[in-house]
C-alpha atoms as a PDB file:
ATOM      1  CA  MET A   1      11.274 -14.389  19.895  1.00  0.00           C
ATOM      2  CA  THR A   2      12.873 -14.903  16.502  1.00  0.00           C
ATOM      3  CA  ASN A   3      12.204 -18.644  16.651  1.00  0.00           C
ATOM      4  CA  LEU A   4       8.478 -18.431  17.328  1.00  0.00           C
ATOM      5  CA  PRO A   5       6.205 -19.629  14.534  1.00  0.00           C
ATOM      6  CA  ALA A   6       4.280 -16.949  12.645  1.00  0.00           C
ATOM      7  CA  GLU A   7       0.944 -18.341  13.838  1.00  0.00           C
ATOM      8  CA  SER A   8       1.863 -18.008  17.531  1.00  0.00           C
ATOM      9  CA  ALA A   9      -0.158 -15.661  19.716  1.00  0.00           C
ATOM     10  CA  THR A  10       2.945 -13.678  20.671  1.00  0.00           C
ATOM     11  CA  VAL A  11       3.905 -12.969  17.077  1.00  0.00           C
ATOM     12  CA  ARG A  12       0.325 -12.040  16.181  1.00  0.00           C
ATOM     13  CA  ALA A  13       0.158  -9.678  19.176  1.00  0.00           C
ATOM     14  CA  MET A  14       3.374  -7.970  18.100  1.00  0.00           C
ATOM     15  CA  VAL A  15       2.922  -7.911  14.316  1.00  0.00           C
ATOM     16  CA  GLY A  16      -0.830  -8.183  13.822  1.00  0.00           C
ATOM     17  CA  ASP A  17      -2.852 -10.319  11.462  1.00  0.00           C
ATOM     18  CA  SER A  18      -0.291  -9.999   8.687  1.00  0.00           C
ATOM     19  CA  ALA A  19       1.824 -12.543  10.587  1.00  0.00           C
ATOM     20  CA  ALA A  20      -0.636 -15.231   9.498  1.00  0.00           C
ATOM     21  CA  TRP A  21       0.437 -14.804   5.869  1.00  0.00           C
ATOM     22  CA  SER A  22       3.800 -16.222   4.848  1.00  0.00           C
ATOM     23  CA  THR A  23       5.951 -14.779   2.095  1.00  0.00           C
ATOM     24  CA  GLU A  24       4.767 -17.607  -0.133  1.00  0.00           C
ATOM     25  CA  ALA A  25       1.114 -16.735   0.546  1.00  0.00           C
ATOM     26  CA  HIS A  26       1.721 -13.083  -0.372  1.00  0.00           C
ATOM     27  CA  LEU A  27       3.543 -14.074  -3.563  1.00  0.00           C
ATOM     28  CA  THR A  28       0.797 -16.522  -4.496  1.00  0.00           C
ATOM     29  CA  ALA A  29      -1.824 -13.797  -4.033  1.00  0.00           C
ATOM     30  CA  LEU A  30       0.234 -11.487  -6.273  1.00  0.00           C
ATOM     31  CA  VAL A  31       0.420 -14.159  -8.977  1.00  0.00           C
ATOM     32  CA  VAL A  32      -3.322 -14.813  -8.810  1.00  0.00           C
ATOM     33  CA  ASP A  33      -4.069 -11.072  -8.982  1.00  0.00           C
ATOM     34  CA  ALA A  34      -1.728 -10.650 -11.970  1.00  0.00           C
ATOM     35  CA  LEU A  35      -3.324 -13.583 -13.810  1.00  0.00           C
ATOM     36  CA  ASN A  36      -6.814 -12.266 -13.107  1.00  0.00           C
ATOM     37  CA  VAL A  37      -5.916  -8.833 -14.505  1.00  0.00           C
ATOM     38  CA  ALA A  38      -4.149 -10.320 -17.534  1.00  0.00           C
ATOM     39  CA  ASN A  39      -7.160 -12.510 -18.360  1.00  0.00           C
ATOM     40  CA  TRP A  40      -9.487  -9.546 -17.855  1.00  0.00           C
ATOM     41  CA  GLN A  41      -7.395  -7.389 -20.201  1.00  0.00           C
ATOM     42  CA  ARG A  42      -7.422 -10.017 -22.951  1.00  0.00           C
ATOM     43  CA  ALA A  43     -11.050 -11.103 -22.652  1.00  0.00           C
ATOM     44  CA  ALA A  44     -12.839  -8.068 -21.254  1.00  0.00           C
ATOM     45  CA  ARG A  45     -15.682  -6.473 -23.089  1.00  0.00           C
ATOM     46  CA  LYS A  46     -16.598  -2.813 -22.830  1.00  0.00           C
ATOM     47  CA  GLY A  47     -18.123  -2.028 -19.470  1.00  0.00           C
ATOM     48  CA  SER A  48     -16.742  -5.076 -17.667  1.00  0.00           C
ATOM     49  CA  THR A  49     -15.316  -4.351 -14.246  1.00  0.00           C
ATOM     50  CA  ARG A  50     -11.694  -4.868 -13.319  1.00  0.00           C
ATOM     51  CA  PRO A  51     -11.176  -7.945 -11.113  1.00  0.00           C
ATOM     52  CA  THR A  52     -10.806  -7.211  -7.412  1.00  0.00           C
ATOM     53  CA  PRO A  53      -7.499  -8.224  -5.834  1.00  0.00           C
ATOM     54  CA  ILE A  54      -7.291 -10.810  -3.083  1.00  0.00           C
ATOM     55  CA  GLN A  55      -7.698  -9.102   0.286  1.00  0.00           C
ATOM     56  CA  ARG A  56      -4.437  -9.224   2.218  1.00  0.00           C
ATOM     57  CA  PRO A  57      -3.945  -8.650   5.934  1.00  0.00           C
ATOM     58  CA  GLY A  58      -2.876  -5.134   6.810  1.00  0.00           C
ATOM     59  CA  MET A  59      -4.097  -3.677   3.515  1.00  0.00           C
ATOM     60  CA  PRO A  60      -6.979  -1.199   3.168  1.00  0.00           C
ATOM     61  CA  GLN A  61     -10.412  -2.660   2.527  1.00  0.00           C
ATOM     62  CA  GLN A  62     -11.268  -3.237  -1.117  1.00  0.00           C
ATOM     63  CA  GLY A  63     -12.779  -0.164  -2.717  1.00  0.00           C
ATOM     64  CA  HIS A  64     -10.871   2.246  -0.476  1.00  0.00           C
ATOM     65  CA  HIS A  65      -8.093   4.140  -2.170  1.00  0.00           C
ATOM     66  CA  VAL A  66      -5.333   5.468   0.027  1.00  0.00           C
ATOM     67  CA  GLY A  67      -5.082   9.230  -0.297  1.00  0.00           C
ATOM     68  CA  ALA A  68      -7.979   9.539  -2.736  1.00  0.00           C
ATOM     69  CA  GLY A  69     -10.548  12.219  -2.035  1.00  0.00           C
ATOM     70  CA  LYS A  70      -8.947  13.392   1.178  1.00  0.00           C
ATOM     71  CA  GLY A  71      -8.332  16.985   0.074  1.00  0.00           C
ATOM     72  CA  ARG A  72      -4.577  16.462   0.078  1.00  0.00           C
ATOM     73  CA  GLY A  73      -3.890  17.707  -3.438  1.00  0.00           C
ATOM     74  CA  MET A  74      -1.347  20.434  -4.036  1.00  0.00           C
ATOM     75  CA  SER A  75      -0.741  22.963  -6.751  1.00  0.00           C
ATOM     76  CA  MET A  76       2.230  22.635  -9.104  1.00  0.00           C
ATOM     77  CA  ALA A  77       3.830  25.677  -7.473  1.00  0.00           C
ATOM     78  CA  ASP A  78       3.574  24.028  -4.035  1.00  0.00           C
ATOM     79  CA  PHE A  79       4.879  20.758  -5.473  1.00  0.00           C
ATOM     80  CA  ASP A  80       7.860  22.503  -7.067  1.00  0.00           C
ATOM     81  CA  LYS A  81       8.632  24.325  -3.819  1.00  0.00           C
ATOM     82  CA  THR A  82       8.383  21.115  -1.762  1.00  0.00           C
ATOM     83  CA  TYR A  83      10.362  19.052  -4.281  1.00  0.00           C
ATOM     84  CA  THR A  84      13.141  21.631  -4.453  1.00  0.00           C
ATOM     85  CA  ALA A  85      13.317  21.839  -0.661  1.00  0.00           C
ATOM     86  CA  LEU A  86      13.478  18.041  -0.373  1.00  0.00           C
ATOM     87  CA  ARG A  87      16.064  17.722  -3.121  1.00  0.00           C
ATOM     88  CA  ASP A  88      18.329  20.409  -1.672  1.00  0.00           C
ATOM     89  CA  ARG A  89      17.902  19.404   1.961  1.00  0.00           C
ATOM     90  CA  THR A  90      20.971  17.965   3.669  1.00  0.00           C
ATOM     91  CA  THR A  91      19.329  17.029   6.962  1.00  0.00           C
ATOM     92  CA  VAL A  92      16.800  14.272   7.500  1.00  0.00           C
ATOM     93  CA  TRP A  93      13.203  15.188   8.296  1.00  0.00           C
ATOM     94  CA  THR A  94      11.405  13.446  11.094  1.00  0.00           C
ATOM     95  CA  PRO A  95       8.013  11.840  10.329  1.00  0.00           C
ATOM     96  CA  GLU A  96       6.343  14.585  12.381  1.00  0.00           C
ATOM     97  CA  GLU A  97       7.911  17.283  10.192  1.00  0.00           C
ATOM     98  CA  VAL A  98       6.816  15.513   7.013  1.00  0.00           C
ATOM     99  CA  THR A  99       3.191  15.037   8.106  1.00  0.00           C
ATOM    100  CA  SER A 100       2.881  18.513   9.595  1.00  0.00           C
ATOM    101  CA  SER A 101       4.178  20.286   6.475  1.00  0.00           C
ATOM    102  CA  GLY A 102       1.063  19.332   4.492  1.00  0.00           C
ATOM    103  CA  GLY A 103       1.977  21.548   1.513  1.00  0.00           C
END
């Protein structure tokens, strides 16, 4: 399986659409996004909109912000309690424990 090309059906079935993008394609998209933002910062006038990044496979749709507006905020007291517990913890939490704690 390690020798199959990224565009093969087997790799796409196992990894998803992100297999179609090589490391070079991801890096090129990052460079283009950085140049677009840099040009926008230098030439933008008041009220101009920030350039949209190139859509990458496996990433949320443009305009959707992960974690924004989902009611998952926490108070500073809850943050301090959670941070202290995480910092002082000597055992590893499972993903189920982390997602079920919820603050």
